[in-house]
Amino acid sequence: LLAIALQVAGNRVVVKRPRKAPAIDGPPPSYTL
């Protein structure tokens, strides 16, 4: 789903995660909040 979202989104993809959870498999995020 993340891979497809990165193909389709016009400007950015935002993924909500528990603070200590690993990032979803794929390219690393540009930055985190």
All heavy atoms as atom14 arrays in JSON, in Angstrom:
{
  "sequence": "LLAIALQVAGNRVVVKRPRKAPAIDGPPPSYTL",
  "atom14_mask": [
    [1, 1, 1, 1, 1, 1, 1, 1, 0, 0, 0, 0, 0, 0],
    [1, 1, 1, 1, 1, 1, 1, 1, 0, 0, 0, 0, 0, 0],
    [1, 1, 1, 1, 1, 0, 0, 0, 0, 0, 0, 0, 0, 0],
    [1, 1, 1, 1, 1, 1, 1, 1, 0, 0, 0, 0, 0, 0],
    [1, 1, 1, 1, 1, 0, 0, 0, 0, 0, 0, 0, 0, 0],
    [1, 1, 1, 1, 1, 1, 1, 1, 0, 0, 0, 0, 0, 0],
    [1, 1, 1, 1, 1, 1, 1, 1, 1, 0, 0, 0, 0, 0],
    [1, 1, 1, 1, 1, 1, 1, 0, 0, 0, 0, 0, 0, 0],
    [1, 1, 1, 1, 1, 0, 0, 0, 0, 0, 0, 0, 0, 0],
    [1, 1, 1, 1, 0, 0, 0, 0, 0, 0, 0, 0, 0, 0],
    [1, 1, 1, 1, 1, 1, 1, 1, 0, 0, 0, 0, 0, 0],
    [1, 1, 1, 1, 1, 1, 1, 1, 1, 1, 1, 0, 0, 0],
    [1, 1, 1, 1, 1, 1, 1, 0, 0, 0, 0, 0, 0, 0],
    [1, 1, 1, 1, 1, 1, 1, 0, 0, 0, 0, 0, 0, 0],
    [1, 1, 1, 1, 1, 1, 1, 0, 0, 0, 0, 0, 0, 0],
    [1, 1, 1, 1, 1, 1, 1, 1, 1, 0, 0, 0, 0, 0],
    [1, 1, 1, 1, 1, 1, 1, 1, 1, 1, 1, 0, 0, 0],
    [1, 1, 1, 1, 1, 1, 1, 0, 0, 0, 0, 0, 0, 0],
    [1, 1, 1, 1, 1, 1, 1, 1, 1, 1, 1, 0, 0, 0],
    [1, 1, 1, 1, 1, 1, 1, 1, 1, 0, 0, 0, 0, 0],
    [1, 1, 1, 1, 1, 0, 0, 0, 0, 0, 0, 0, 0, 0],
    [1, 1, 1, 1, 1, 1, 1, 0, 0, 0, 0, 0, 0, 0],
    [1, 1, 1, 1, 1, 0, 0, 0, 0, 0, 0, 0, 0, 0],
    [1, 1, 1, 1, 1, 1, 1, 1, 0, 0, 0, 0, 0, 0],
    [1, 1, 1, 1, 1, 1, 1, 1, 0, 0, 0, 0, 0, 0],
    [1, 1, 1, 1, 0, 0, 0, 0, 0, 0, 0, 0, 0, 0],
    [1, 1, 1, 1, 1, 1, 1, 0, 0, 0, 0, 0, 0, 0],
    [1, 1, 1, 1, 1, 1, 1, 0, 0, 0, 0, 0, 0, 0],
    [1, 1, 1, 1, 1, 1, 1, 0, 0, 0, 0, 0, 0, 0],
    [1, 1, 1, 1, 1, 1, 0, 0, 0, 0, 0, 0, 0, 0],
    [1, 1, 1, 1, 1, 1, 1, 1, 1, 1, 1, 1, 0, 0],
    [1, 1, 1, 1, 1, 1, 1, 0, 0, 0, 0, 0, 0, 0],
    [1, 1, 1, 1, 1, 1, 1, 1, 0, 0, 0, 0, 0, 0]
  ],
  "atom14_positions": [
    [[0.83, -1.21, 0.0], [0.0, 0.0, 0.0], [0.86, 1.25, 0.0], [0.58, 2.22, -0.73], [-0.94, -0.01, 1.21], [-1.83, 1.22, 1.39], [-2.7, 1.46, 0.16], [-2.71, 1.06, 2.63], [0.0, 0.0, 0.0], [0.0, 0.0, 0.0], [0.0, 0.0, 0.0], [0.0, 0.0, 0.0], [0.0, 0.0, 0.0], [0.0, 0.0, 0.0]],
    [[1.92, 1.25, 0.8], [2.83, 2.41, 0.82], [3.45, 2.63, -0.55], [3.53, 3.76, -1.04], [3.91, 2.22, 1.88], [5.02, 3.27, 1.89], [4.44, 4.66, 2.18], [6.1, 2.91, 2.92], [0.0, 0.0, 0.0], [0.0, 0.0, 0.0], [0.0, 0.0, 0.0], [0.0, 0.0, 0.0], [0.0, 0.0, 0.0], [0.0, 0.0, 0.0]],
    [[3.9, 1.55, -1.2], [4.53, 1.68, -2.51], [3.57, 2.3, -3.53], [3.96, 3.17, -4.31], [5.01, 0.31, -2.99], [0.0, 0.0, 0.0], [0.0, 0.0, 0.0], [0.0, 0.0, 0.0], [0.0, 0.0, 0.0], [0.0, 0.0, 0.0], [0.0, 0.0, 0.0], [0.0, 0.0, 0.0], [0.0, 0.0, 0.0], [0.0, 0.0, 0.0]],
    [[2.32, 1.86, -3.51], [1.33, 2.42, -4.44], [1.02, 3.87, -4.07], [0.89, 4.73, -4.95], [0.06, 1.55, -4.44], [0.37, 0.19, -5.06], [-1.08, 2.25, -5.19], [-0.77, -0.8, -4.97], [0.0, 0.0, 0.0], [0.0, 0.0, 0.0], [0.0, 0.0, 0.0], [0.0, 0.0, 0.0], [0.0, 0.0, 0.0], [0.0, 0.0, 0.0]],
    [[0.91, 4.16, -2.78], [0.65, 5.53, -2.35], [1.75, 6.47, -2.83], [1.48, 7.6, -3.26], [0.52, 5.59, -0.83], [0.0, 0.0, 0.0], [0.0, 0.0, 0.0], [0.0, 0.0, 0.0], [0.0, 0.0, 0.0], [0.0, 0.0, 0.0], [0.0, 0.0, 0.0], [0.0, 0.0, 0.0], [0.0, 0.0, 0.0], [0.0, 0.0, 0.0]],
    [[3.0, 6.01, -2.78], [4.11, 6.84, -3.24], [4.05, 7.07, -4.75], [4.52, 8.11, -5.25], [5.44, 6.17, -2.87], [5.77, 6.16, -1.37], [6.98, 5.26, -1.08], [6.02, 7.57, -0.85], [0.0, 0.0, 0.0], [0.0, 0.0, 0.0], [0.0, 0.0, 0.0], [0.0, 0.0, 0.0], [0.0, 0.0, 0.0], [0.0, 0.0, 0.0]],
    [[3.46, 6.14, -5.48], [3.29, 6.32, -6.93], [2.19, 7.34, -7.24], [2.29, 8.09, -8.21], [2.9, 5.0, -7.59], [3.94, 3.91, -7.59], [3.38, 2.62, -8.2], [2.57, 2.64, -9.13], [3.8, 1.5, -7.66], [0.0, 0.0, 0.0], [0.0, 0.0, 0.0], [0.0, 0.0, 0.0], [0.0, 0.0, 0.0], [0.0, 0.0, 0.0]],
    [[1.16, 7.35, -6.41], [-0.07, 8.09, -6.75], [-0.13, 9.48, -6.14], [-0.64, 10.42, -6.76], [-1.3, 7.27, -6.32], [-2.59, 8.05, -6.54], [-1.35, 5.95, -7.1], [0.0, 0.0, 0.0], [0.0, 0.0, 0.0], [0.0, 0.0, 0.0], [0.0, 0.0, 0.0], [0.0, 0.0, 0.0], [0.0, 0.0, 0.0], [0.0, 0.0, 0.0]],
    [[0.39, 9.65, -4.93], [0.25, 10.93, -4.23], [0.88, 12.07, -5.02], [1.96, 11.92, -5.6], [0.88, 10.85, -2.85], [0.0, 0.0, 0.0], [0.0, 0.0, 0.0], [0.0, 0.0, 0.0], [0.0, 0.0, 0.0], [0.0, 0.0, 0.0], [0.0, 0.0, 0.0], [0.0, 0.0, 0.0], [0.0, 0.0, 0.0], [0.0, 0.0, 0.0]],
    [[0.19, 13.2, -5.04], [0.73, 14.34, -5.75], [1.9, 14.98, -5.04], [2.85, 15.45, -5.69], [0.0, 0.0, 0.0], [0.0, 0.0, 0.0], [0.0, 0.0, 0.0], [0.0, 0.0, 0.0], [0.0, 0.0, 0.0], [0.0, 0.0, 0.0], [0.0, 0.0, 0.0], [0.0, 0.0, 0.0], [0.0, 0.0, 0.0], [0.0, 0.0, 0.0]],
    [[1.86, 15.03, -3.71], [2.86, 15.8, -2.98], [3.53, 15.08, -1.81], [4.72, 15.23, -1.6], [2.23, 17.09, -2.46], [1.73, 17.97, -3.58], [0.6, 17.8, -4.04], [2.56, 18.88, -4.06], [0.0, 0.0, 0.0], [0.0, 0.0, 0.0], [0.0, 0.0, 0.0], [0.0, 0.0, 0.0], [0.0, 0.0, 0.0], [0.0, 0.0, 0.0]],
    [[2.75, 14.31, -1.06], [3.39, 13.6, 0.05], [2.52, 12.45, 0.53], [1.31, 12.43, 0.31], [3.71, 14.53, 1.22], [2.5, 15.08, 1.97], [2.9, 15.88, 3.21], [3.71, 17.06, 2.9], [4.12, 17.95, 3.79], [3.82, 17.77, 5.08], [4.82, 19.0, 3.44], [0.0, 0.0, 0.0], [0.0, 0.0, 0.0], [0.0, 0.0, 0.0]],
    [[3.19, 11.5, 1.18], [2.51, 10.4, 1.87], [2.85, 10.52, 3.34], [4.01, 10.75, 3.71], [2.96, 9.02, 1.32], [2.32, 7.89, 2.13], [2.61, 8.89, -0.15], [0.0, 0.0, 0.0], [0.0, 0.0, 0.0], [0.0, 0.0, 0.0], [0.0, 0.0, 0.0], [0.0, 0.0, 0.0], [0.0, 0.0, 0.0], [0.0, 0.0, 0.0]],
    [[1.83, 10.39, 4.18], [1.99, 10.54, 5.63], [1.56, 9.23, 6.28], [0.45, 8.75, 6.04], [1.11, 11.7, 6.15], [1.15, 11.77, 7.66], [1.57, 13.02, 5.53], [0.0, 0.0, 0.0], [0.0, 0.0, 0.0], [0.0, 0.0, 0.0], [0.0, 0.0, 0.0], [0.0, 0.0, 0.0], [0.0, 0.0, 0.0], [0.0, 0.0, 0.0]],
    [[2.45, 8.64, 7.08], [2.16, 7.36, 7.74], [2.16, 7.56, 9.25], [3.16, 8.01, 9.82], [3.19, 6.28, 7.35], [2.83, 4.95, 8.04], [3.24, 6.09, 5.84], [0.0, 0.0, 0.0], [0.0, 0.0, 0.0], [0.0, 0.0, 0.0], [0.0, 0.0, 0.0], [0.0, 0.0, 0.0], [0.0, 0.0, 0.0], [0.0, 0.0, 0.0]],
    [[1.06, 7.22, 9.89], [0.93, 7.32, 11.33], [1.41, 6.01, 11.96], [0.98, 4.94, 11.57], [-0.54, 7.58, 11.7], [-0.82, 7.82, 13.16], [-2.31, 8.11, 13.35], [-2.66, 8.39, 14.79], [-4.13, 8.67, 14.94], [0.0, 0.0, 0.0], [0.0, 0.0, 0.0], [0.0, 0.0, 0.0], [0.0, 0.0, 0.0], [0.0, 0.0, 0.0]],
    [[2.32, 6.12, 12.95], [2.91, 4.94, 13.57], [3.0, 5.12, 15.09], [3.13, 6.25, 15.57], [4.34, 4.7, 13.05], [4.46, 4.51, 11.58], [3.83, 3.22, 11.13], [4.71, 2.05, 11.35], [4.28, 0.8, 11.28], [3.0, 0.55, 11.04], [5.1, -0.2, 11.45], [0.0, 0.0, 0.0], [0.0, 0.0, 0.0], [0.0, 0.0, 0.0]],
    [[2.96, 4.02, 15.86], [3.36, 4.12, 17.26], [4.8, 4.63, 17.34], [5.62, 4.36, 16.44], [3.25, 2.67, 17.75], [2.3, 2.02, 16.8], [2.55, 2.66, 15.47], [0.0, 0.0, 0.0], [0.0, 0.0, 0.0], [0.0, 0.0, 0.0], [0.0, 0.0, 0.0], [0.0, 0.0, 0.0], [0.0, 0.0, 0.0], [0.0, 0.0, 0.0]],
    [[5.13, 5.35, 18.39], [6.41, 6.06, 18.44], [7.61, 5.14, 18.25], [8.58, 5.5, 17.58], [6.53, 6.81, 19.77], [7.77, 7.71, 19.86], [7.7, 8.61, 21.09], [7.71, 7.83, 22.32], [8.82, 7.43, 22.95], [10.0, 7.72, 22.42], [8.75, 6.75, 24.08], [0.0, 0.0, 0.0], [0.0, 0.0, 0.0], [0.0, 0.0, 0.0]],
    [[7.57, 3.95, 18.84], [8.72, 3.05, 18.78], [8.62, 1.98, 17.7], [9.47, 1.1, 17.6], [8.93, 2.39, 20.15], [9.27, 3.38, 21.25], [9.52, 2.67, 22.57], [9.9, 3.65, 23.67], [10.16, 2.96, 24.96], [0.0, 0.0, 0.0], [0.0, 0.0, 0.0], [0.0, 0.0, 0.0], [0.0, 0.0, 0.0], [0.0, 0.0, 0.0]],
    [[7.59, 2.05, 16.88], [7.41, 1.04, 15.83], [8.39, 1.29, 14.69], [8.76, 2.43, 14.4], [5.99, 1.09, 15.3], [0.0, 0.0, 0.0], [0.0, 0.0, 0.0], [0.0, 0.0, 0.0], [0.0, 0.0, 0.0], [0.0, 0.0, 0.0], [0.0, 0.0, 0.0], [0.0, 0.0, 0.0], [0.0, 0.0, 0.0], [0.0, 0.0, 0.0]],
    [[8.82, 0.23, 14.01], [9.68, 0.43, 12.84], [8.89, 1.07, 11.7], [7.66, 0.99, 11.65], [10.1, -0.99, 12.48], [9.01, -1.86, 13.01], [8.53, -1.19, 14.27], [0.0, 0.0, 0.0], [0.0, 0.0, 0.0], [0.0, 0.0, 0.0], [0.0, 0.0, 0.0], [0.0, 0.0, 0.0], [0.0, 0.0, 0.0], [0.0, 0.0, 0.0]],
    [[9.61, 1.72, 10.81], [8.97, 2.25, 9.6], [8.49, 1.1, 8.74], [8.98, -0.04, 8.83], [9.95, 3.12, 8.82], [0.0, 0.0, 0.0], [0.0, 0.0, 0.0], [0.0, 0.0, 0.0], [0.0, 0.0, 0.0], [0.0, 0.0, 0.0], [0.0, 0.0, 0.0], [0.0, 0.0, 0.0], [0.0, 0.0, 0.0], [0.0, 0.0, 0.0]],
    [[7.5, 1.36, 7.9], [7.03, 0.34, 6.97], [8.14, 0.02, 5.98], [8.9, 0.9, 5.55], [5.77, 0.85, 6.23], [4.62, 1.05, 7.22], [5.35, -0.14, 5.14], [3.37, 1.6, 6.58], [0.0, 0.0, 0.0], [0.0, 0.0, 0.0], [0.0, 0.0, 0.0], [0.0, 0.0, 0.0], [0.0, 0.0, 0.0], [0.0, 0.0, 0.0]],
    [[8.24, -1.25, 5.61], [9.27, -1.67, 4.65], [9.14, -0.85, 3.37], [8.03, -0.67, 2.83], [9.11, -3.15, 4.32], [9.53, -4.05, 5.47], [10.22, -3.56, 6.39], [9.14, -5.24, 5.46], [0.0, 0.0, 0.0], [0.0, 0.0, 0.0], [0.0, 0.0, 0.0], [0.0, 0.0, 0.0], [0.0, 0.0, 0.0], [0.0, 0.0, 0.0]],
    [[10.27, -0.37, 2.87], [10.27, 0.46, 1.67], [11.3, 1.56, 1.82], [12.18, 1.49, 2.68], [0.0, 0.0, 0.0], [0.0, 0.0, 0.0], [0.0, 0.0, 0.0], [0.0, 0.0, 0.0], [0.0, 0.0, 0.0], [0.0, 0.0, 0.0], [0.0, 0.0, 0.0], [0.0, 0.0, 0.0], [0.0, 0.0, 0.0], [0.0, 0.0, 0.0]],
    [[11.2, 2.59, 1.01], [12.15, 3.69, 1.14], [12.0, 4.38, 2.49], [10.91, 4.4, 3.06], [11.77, 4.62, -0.02], [10.34, 4.28, -0.32], [10.21, 2.83, -0.05], [0.0, 0.0, 0.0], [0.0, 0.0, 0.0], [0.0, 0.0, 0.0], [0.0, 0.0, 0.0], [0.0, 0.0, 0.0], [0.0, 0.0, 0.0], [0.0, 0.0, 0.0]],
    [[13.09, 4.93, 3.03], [12.98, 5.61, 4.32], [12.18, 6.9, 4.19], [12.18, 7.54, 3.13], [14.44, 5.9, 4.69], [15.16, 5.96, 3.37], [14.46, 4.97, 2.49], [0.0, 0.0, 0.0], [0.0, 0.0, 0.0], [0.0, 0.0, 0.0], [0.0, 0.0, 0.0], [0.0, 0.0, 0.0], [0.0, 0.0, 0.0], [0.0, 0.0, 0.0]],
    [[11.49, 7.31, 5.26], [10.76, 8.58, 5.2], [11.72, 9.76, 5.06], [12.89, 9.68, 5.47], [10.01, 8.62, 6.54], [10.75, 7.68, 7.43], [11.32, 6.62, 6.55], [0.0, 0.0, 0.0], [0.0, 0.0, 0.0], [0.0, 0.0, 0.0], [0.0, 0.0, 0.0], [0.0, 0.0, 0.0], [0.0, 0.0, 0.0], [0.0, 0.0, 0.0]],
    [[11.22, 10.84, 4.5], [12.03, 12.05, 4.35], [12.33, 12.66, 5.71], [13.43, 13.15, 5.96], [11.29, 13.08, 3.48], [10.9, 12.5, 2.25], [0.0, 0.0, 0.0], [0.0, 0.0, 0.0], [0.0, 0.0, 0.0], [0.0, 0.0, 0.0], [0.0, 0.0, 0.0], [0.0, 0.0, 0.0], [0.0, 0.0, 0.0], [0.0, 0.0, 0.0]],
    [[11.34, 12.64, 6.61], [11.52, 13.11, 7.98], [10.36, 12.6, 8.81], [9.4, 12.05, 8.28], [11.63, 14.63, 8.04], [10.41, 15.4, 7.59], [9.48, 15.88, 8.51], [10.19, 15.67, 6.24], [8.37, 16.59, 8.1], [9.09, 16.38, 5.82], [8.18, 16.84, 6.75], [7.08, 17.55, 6.34], [0.0, 0.0, 0.0], [0.0, 0.0, 0.0]],
    [[10.47, 12.76, 10.12], [9.42, 12.31, 11.02], [9.04, 13.42, 11.98], [9.84, 14.32, 12.27], [9.86, 11.08, 11.85], [10.95, 11.45, 12.7], [10.29, 9.94, 10.94], [0.0, 0.0, 0.0], [0.0, 0.0, 0.0], [0.0, 0.0, 0.0], [0.0, 0.0, 0.0], [0.0, 0.0, 0.0], [0.0, 0.0, 0.0], [0.0, 0.0, 0.0]],
    [[7.8, 13.37, 12.46], [7.32, 14.21, 13.55], [6.95, 13.27, 14.68], [6.16, 12.35, 14.49], [6.09, 15.03, 13.12], [6.3, 16.06, 12.01], [4.96, 16.7, 11.65], [7.3, 17.13, 12.44], [0.0, 0.0, 0.0], [0.0, 0.0, 0.0], [0.0, 0.0, 0.0], [0.0, 0.0, 0.0], [0.0, 0.0, 0.0], [0.0, 0.0, 0.0]]
  ]
}
